[in-house]
Protein backbone atom coordinates (compact mmCIF):
# COMPACT_ATOMS: atom_id res chain seq x y z
CA MET A 1 43.18 41.13 -84.38
CA SER A 2 41.44 41.75 -87.64
CA GLU A 3 43.26 38.78 -89.26
CA PHE A 4 41.78 36.65 -86.37
CA ALA A 5 38.33 37.94 -87.07
CA GLU A 6 38.73 37.27 -90.91
CA ILE A 7 39.72 33.85 -90.24
CA ILE A 8 36.55 33.18 -88.11
CA LEU A 9 34.44 34.88 -90.90
CA ARG A 10 35.71 32.53 -93.42
CA SER A 11 35.49 29.62 -91.75
CA GLY A 12 31.84 30.37 -90.55
CA LYS A 13 30.96 30.83 -94.04
CA ALA A 14 32.47 27.73 -95.30
CA GLY A 15 30.89 25.80 -92.69
CA VAL A 16 27.35 27.23 -93.09
CA GLU A 17 27.70 26.61 -96.96
CA LEU A 18 28.83 23.12 -96.48
CA ALA A 19 25.80 22.29 -94.10
CA PHE A 20 23.10 23.86 -95.94
CA PHE A 21 24.28 23.77 -99.75
CA VAL A 22 25.89 20.40 -99.46
CA PHE A 23 24.95 18.34 -96.48
CA LEU A 24 21.21 19.41 -96.12
CA PRO A 25 19.95 18.63 -99.73
CA VAL A 26 21.55 15.05 -99.58
CA MET A 27 20.17 14.26 -96.38
CA VAL A 28 16.55 15.34 -97.09
CA VAL A 29 16.61 13.15 -100.16
CA MET A 30 18.26 10.02 -98.38
CA LEU A 31 15.93 10.40 -95.08
CA THR A 32 12.94 10.81 -97.12
CA PHE A 33 13.89 7.81 -99.08
CA MET A 34 14.59 5.74 -96.14
CA ARG A 35 11.74 6.72 -93.63
CA LEU A 36 9.29 5.97 -96.63
CA LEU A 37 10.84 2.75 -97.00
CA GLU A 38 10.69 2.22 -93.52
CA ALA A 39 7.06 3.10 -93.38
CA LYS A 40 6.33 0.70 -96.35
CA GLY A 41 7.55 -2.09 -94.16
CA GLY A 42 10.71 -2.31 -96.88
CA LEU A 43 13.45 -2.42 -94.23
CA GLU A 44 11.63 -4.92 -92.11
CA TRP A 45 11.11 -7.15 -94.87
CA LEU A 46 14.85 -6.88 -96.03
CA THR A 47 16.13 -7.46 -92.59
CA THR A 48 13.94 -10.69 -92.38
CA ARG A 49 15.68 -11.95 -95.90
CA LEU A 50 18.98 -11.16 -94.39
CA SER A 51 18.62 -12.41 -91.09
CA PRO A 52 19.39 -16.17 -92.26
CA LEU A 53 22.55 -15.14 -93.95
CA LEU A 54 23.80 -13.06 -91.55
CA ARG A 55 22.98 -14.72 -88.24
CA PRO A 56 26.00 -16.99 -88.63
CA PHE A 57 28.16 -13.76 -88.54
CA GLY A 58 27.21 -13.06 -85.06
CA LEU A 59 24.62 -10.55 -86.01
CA PRO A 60 20.81 -10.54 -84.61
CA ASP A 61 17.90 -9.13 -86.44
CA LEU A 62 18.30 -5.67 -84.88
CA GLY A 63 22.06 -5.55 -85.49
CA ILE A 64 21.02 -6.03 -89.31
CA PHE A 65 18.87 -3.10 -88.87
CA ALA A 66 21.54 -0.98 -87.40
CA LEU A 67 23.82 -2.12 -90.34
CA ILE A 68 21.24 -0.65 -92.70
CA GLN A 69 20.39 2.55 -90.96
CA ILE A 70 24.09 3.61 -90.32
CA LEU A 71 24.66 2.74 -94.31
CA PHE A 72 21.79 5.02 -95.28
CA VAL A 73 20.79 7.29 -92.74
CA SER A 74 23.47 8.32 -90.42
CA PHE A 75 25.94 7.14 -87.69
CA ALA A 76 23.59 8.21 -84.71
CA ALA A 77 20.68 6.18 -86.41
CA PRO A 78 21.71 2.93 -84.83
CA VAL A 79 21.75 4.33 -81.28
CA ALA A 80 17.94 3.88 -80.96
CA THR A 81 18.28 0.24 -81.93
CA LEU A 82 21.00 -0.50 -79.86
CA ALA A 83 19.00 1.01 -76.87
CA ILE A 84 16.39 -1.40 -77.71
CA MET A 85 18.89 -4.09 -77.70
CA ASP A 86 20.07 -2.73 -74.30
CA ARG A 87 16.75 -2.95 -72.88
CA SER A 88 15.20 -6.29 -74.45
CA GLY A 89 16.66 -9.69 -74.08
CA THR A 90 19.39 -9.61 -76.81
CA SER A 91 22.61 -11.02 -75.35
CA SER A 92 25.65 -8.99 -74.64
CA ARG A 93 27.74 -11.06 -76.79
CA HIS A 94 25.24 -10.23 -79.84
CA ILE A 95 25.43 -6.60 -78.59
CA ALA A 96 29.19 -6.52 -78.70
CA ALA A 97 29.08 -7.77 -82.02
CA SER A 98 26.50 -5.12 -83.13
CA LEU A 99 28.61 -2.65 -81.86
CA ALA A 100 31.84 -3.41 -83.31
CA MET A 101 29.80 -3.55 -86.76
CA VAL A 102 28.43 -0.13 -86.30
CA LEU A 103 31.64 1.39 -85.07
CA ALA A 104 33.40 0.16 -88.33
CA CYS A 105 30.77 1.05 -90.92
CA ALA A 106 31.01 4.23 -93.22
CA GLN A 107 28.10 6.50 -92.07
CA ALA A 108 25.75 7.90 -94.66
CA ASN A 109 25.76 11.31 -93.42
CA VAL A 110 29.51 11.46 -94.49
CA VAL A 111 29.45 9.24 -97.29
CA PHE A 112 26.81 10.83 -99.25
CA PRO A 113 27.62 14.44 -99.01
CA MET A 114 31.53 13.59 -99.75
CA SER A 115 30.33 11.47 -103.00
CA ALA A 116 29.53 14.98 -104.22
CA VAL A 117 33.42 15.89 -104.37
CA GLY A 118 34.52 12.81 -105.83
CA LEU A 119 34.05 10.06 -103.17
CA ASN A 120 33.30 6.68 -104.75
CA GLY A 121 30.14 6.06 -102.70
CA LEU A 122 29.10 2.65 -103.59
CA ALA A 123 32.54 1.05 -103.12
CA THR A 124 32.72 2.87 -99.85
CA ILE A 125 29.66 1.26 -98.78
CA LEU A 126 30.34 -2.22 -100.15
CA ILE A 127 33.69 -2.66 -98.76
CA SER A 128 32.63 -1.06 -95.09
CA ALA A 129 29.64 -3.57 -95.03
CA ILE A 130 31.56 -6.34 -95.94
CA CYS A 131 34.37 -5.52 -93.52
CA ALA A 132 32.08 -4.37 -90.66
CA VAL A 133 30.22 -7.90 -90.65
CA LEU A 134 33.67 -9.58 -90.59
CA GLY A 135 34.65 -7.19 -87.71
CA ALA A 136 31.36 -8.58 -85.84
CA THR A 137 32.14 -11.89 -86.78
CA ALA A 138 35.56 -11.69 -85.13
CA THR A 139 33.95 -9.73 -81.99
CA TYR A 140 31.38 -12.44 -81.81
CA TYR A 141 33.70 -15.65 -82.08
CA LEU A 142 36.71 -14.30 -80.46
CA PHE A 143 36.92 -10.95 -78.65
CA ALA A 144 33.54 -11.30 -77.01
CA ARG A 145 33.63 -15.07 -76.82
CA ARG A 146 33.52 -15.21 -72.75
CA LEU A 147 30.50 -13.00 -72.78
CA SER A 148 26.86 -14.37 -72.18
CA ASP A 149 25.15 -15.47 -75.72
CA GLN A 150 21.59 -16.49 -73.96
CA GLU A 151 18.76 -14.04 -74.94
CA GLN A 152 16.37 -13.85 -72.13
CA LEU A 153 13.34 -12.40 -74.30
CA PRO A 154 12.31 -12.87 -77.80
CA GLU A 155 14.12 -9.95 -79.94
CA PRO A 156 11.72 -7.17 -80.45
CA LYS A 157 11.19 -5.32 -83.78
CA PRO A 158 11.87 -1.63 -83.99
CA GLU A 159 8.67 0.39 -84.05
CA HIS A 160 8.23 2.79 -87.19
CA PRO A 161 5.42 4.84 -88.37
CA LEU A 162 3.09 3.77 -91.13
CA ALA A 163 2.24 5.08 -94.44
CA ASP A 164 -0.87 3.54 -95.72
CA ASP A 165 -2.16 6.65 -97.40
CA THR A 166 -1.63 9.88 -98.80
CA LEU A 167 -1.97 11.74 -95.44
CA SER A 168 0.47 9.48 -93.85
CA VAL A 169 3.00 9.48 -96.56
CA LEU A 170 3.21 13.19 -96.27
CA THR A 171 3.68 12.94 -92.80
CA VAL A 172 6.63 10.72 -93.04
CA ILE A 173 8.18 12.93 -95.55
CA ASN A 174 7.65 16.04 -93.38
CA ARG A 175 9.10 14.46 -90.68
CA ALA A 176 12.01 13.16 -92.59
CA GLY A 177 12.79 16.91 -93.98
CA ARG A 178 12.54 18.02 -90.00
CA GLU A 179 14.82 15.65 -89.02
CA ALA A 180 17.44 16.33 -91.74
CA ILE A 181 17.36 19.87 -91.04
CA GLU A 182 17.76 19.30 -87.46
CA ILE A 183 20.91 17.24 -88.43
CA SER A 184 22.21 19.59 -90.73
CA VAL A 185 21.76 22.47 -88.21
CA GLY A 186 23.18 20.43 -85.46
CA ALA A 187 26.38 19.99 -87.57
CA VAL A 188 26.81 23.82 -88.25
CA PRO A 189 28.92 24.44 -84.76
CA MET A 190 31.29 21.53 -85.26
CA LEU A 191 31.98 22.32 -88.88
CA ILE A 192 32.52 25.71 -88.17
CA LEU A 193 34.81 25.10 -85.00
CA ALA A 194 36.68 22.28 -87.03
CA LEU A 195 37.32 24.72 -89.96
CA LEU A 196 38.44 27.57 -87.74
CA LEU A 197 40.83 24.99 -86.06
CA VAL A 198 42.55 24.30 -89.41
CA ASN A 199 42.58 27.61 -90.63
CA LEU A 200 44.30 28.72 -87.42
CA LEU A 201 46.87 26.00 -87.47
CA ARG A 202 47.67 26.63 -91.08
CA SER A 203 47.95 30.56 -90.28
CA ALA A 204 50.25 29.75 -87.47
CA GLY A 205 52.55 27.78 -89.61
CA ALA A 206 51.89 24.19 -87.70
CA VAL A 207 50.85 22.50 -90.77
CA ASP A 208 53.93 23.57 -92.44
CA LEU A 209 55.97 22.43 -89.41
CA LEU A 210 54.23 18.94 -89.09
CA GLU A 211 54.19 17.88 -92.77
CA PRO A 212 57.63 17.72 -93.54
CA LEU A 213 58.32 15.64 -90.40
CA LEU A 214 55.27 13.00 -91.31
CA ALA A 215 55.97 13.09 -95.04
CA PRO A 216 57.87 9.90 -95.01
CA VAL A 217 54.99 8.03 -93.04
CA PHE A 218 52.40 9.13 -95.38
CA SER A 219 54.68 8.21 -98.63
CA LEU A 220 54.96 4.92 -97.19
CA PHE A 221 50.90 4.69 -97.56
CA ASP A 222 50.94 6.65 -100.62
CA LEU A 223 49.12 9.57 -98.84
CA PRO A 224 49.32 13.31 -99.39
CA PRO A 225 51.05 15.06 -96.41
CA ALA A 226 47.77 17.35 -96.27
CA ALA A 227 45.69 14.29 -95.17
CA LEU A 228 47.58 15.05 -91.54
CA LEU A 229 44.74 17.82 -90.29
CA PRO A 230 41.93 15.73 -91.87
CA ILE A 231 43.01 12.61 -89.84
CA VAL A 232 43.61 14.63 -86.56
CA THR A 233 40.35 16.37 -86.80
CA LYS A 234 38.55 13.13 -87.55
CA PHE A 235 39.95 11.21 -84.54
CA ILE A 236 39.19 14.23 -82.06
CA ALA A 237 36.27 16.07 -83.33
CA GLY A 238 34.22 13.30 -85.40
CA GLY A 239 33.18 12.33 -88.88
CA THR A 240 31.26 15.43 -89.51
CA ALA A 241 34.01 17.89 -88.77
CA MET A 242 36.53 15.76 -90.74
CA MET A 243 34.12 15.87 -93.74
CA GLY A 244 34.14 19.68 -93.49
CA VAL A 245 38.12 19.91 -93.58
CA THR A 246 38.48 17.23 -96.41
CA MET A 247 35.92 18.59 -98.81
CA GLU A 248 37.49 22.12 -98.18
CA PHE A 249 41.03 20.37 -99.00
CA VAL A 250 39.78 18.55 -102.18
CA GLN A 251 38.05 21.56 -103.30
CA SER A 252 41.55 23.42 -102.90
CA ASP A 253 43.33 20.62 -104.75
CA LEU A 254 45.28 19.73 -101.39
CA ILE A 255 44.10 16.27 -101.40
CA THR A 256 43.44 14.45 -104.92
CA LEU A 257 40.35 12.30 -105.64
CA SER A 258 42.51 9.21 -105.43
CA GLY A 259 43.79 10.24 -102.22
CA LEU A 260 40.15 10.91 -100.87
CA ASN A 261 39.36 7.46 -101.79
CA ARG A 262 42.32 5.88 -100.32
CA LEU A 263 41.63 7.66 -96.91
CA ALA A 264 37.91 6.62 -97.06
CA GLY A 265 38.53 3.20 -95.34
CA PHE A 266 40.65 4.89 -92.72
CA MET A 267 38.68 8.03 -91.84
CA ILE A 268 34.93 7.37 -92.79
CA HIS A 269 33.39 5.57 -89.51
CA PRO A 270 32.02 6.40 -86.20
CA PHE A 271 35.23 5.20 -84.40
CA ASP A 272 36.16 8.12 -82.63
CA ILE A 273 35.95 10.07 -79.70
CA VAL A 274 32.67 11.61 -80.45
CA GLY A 275 31.22 8.81 -82.16
CA ILE A 276 31.94 6.25 -79.67
CA ALA A 277 30.50 8.60 -76.67
CA ILE A 278 27.21 8.76 -78.60
CA LEU A 279 26.84 5.09 -79.51
CA ILE A 280 27.66 3.75 -75.92
CA SER A 281 25.02 6.31 -74.41
CA ALA A 282 22.42 3.73 -75.84
CA GLY A 283 22.52 1.98 -72.54
CA PRO A 284 24.79 0.53 -69.79
CA ARG A 285 24.90 -3.17 -71.39
CA VAL A 286 25.95 -1.61 -74.65
CA ALA A 287 28.80 0.59 -72.64
CA ALA A 288 29.79 -2.49 -70.94
CA VAL A 289 30.83 -4.40 -73.99
CA LEU A 290 32.81 -1.48 -75.40
CA ARG A 291 36.04 -3.18 -75.20
CA PRO A 292 35.68 -6.20 -77.31
CA ALA A 293 33.66 -4.17 -79.77
CA LEU A 294 36.70 -1.80 -80.27
CA TYR A 295 38.89 -4.85 -80.88
CA GLY A 296 36.45 -5.77 -83.72
CA ALA A 297 36.12 -2.50 -85.21
CA VAL A 298 39.89 -1.90 -85.41
CA LEU A 299 40.24 -5.07 -87.07
CA ALA A 300 37.37 -4.19 -89.53
CA ILE A 301 38.76 -0.80 -90.16
CA THR A 302 42.38 -1.95 -90.78
CA LEU A 303 40.88 -4.26 -93.48
CA ARG A 304 39.02 -1.32 -94.90
CA ALA A 305 42.22 0.44 -95.38
CA VAL A 306 44.09 -2.04 -96.77
CA LEU A 307 41.19 -2.59 -99.29
CA HIS A 308 40.80 0.97 -100.21
CA GLY A 309 44.67 1.21 -100.83
CA LEU A 310 44.89 -1.82 -103.03
CA ILE A 311 41.71 -0.60 -105.13
CA PHE A 312 42.13 3.06 -105.18
């Protein structure tokens, strides 16, 4: 019993330290920057400029906005944008392409904290953006080709606060700080439980039993056997939980930096049970196009995994 309590305390300490000493500072800085850029009209300006380039790839204006949100805010940020698309006249075909893109993208709330321990964040963002757009294209022109592409109403623009004076700038900064704190606090339970699960499996000898069995598969892809637990954690508990386990393994030298970067293309995205459930909660029209979006996301993630394996 005392050993179990010690594991709980050790997992709790690691989860809290990760959330408040790594996750929180990064999210405060990134969210403040992005919210100020949004309030100043920078994101709308960028979306307008990118629209003519990305529209042929099956992405509407709001889809481009969702791409920027997941790459530089968090995986949950596009939910509001998908909800606007769900309620507006955006075609089902465009919604499917946008959802596939979001599912295949590297989320900022994992990329930036993990960059602190050796992840090549810039390469991860660029590769994921390119592959996610290709996944959206495949969804729009192939997997969702039977869905309607007729827009019923002009596509709306997302609403955002303005920052025209010092007071409003401070308001945006404080709001971004509160949002970062809420995200970090919300991540604590999942981080602690994920680390607890990992520590219990390691203490019970389950990891030592499975790693030799799966070693040939992992060696085929030049991955360390220790990658088993982060992968399992990712697809069951989500990206934040995976981040906690992976960062602990990197700091313990169970996963090398090159191994971390090879795994990034396969593991850093919202394509998991938790991520899919949150994203399709945006609305019934979003949930209705999940199947073709999943096909496009699988294609994009496969491309990401191959590219990361070749580059790193």
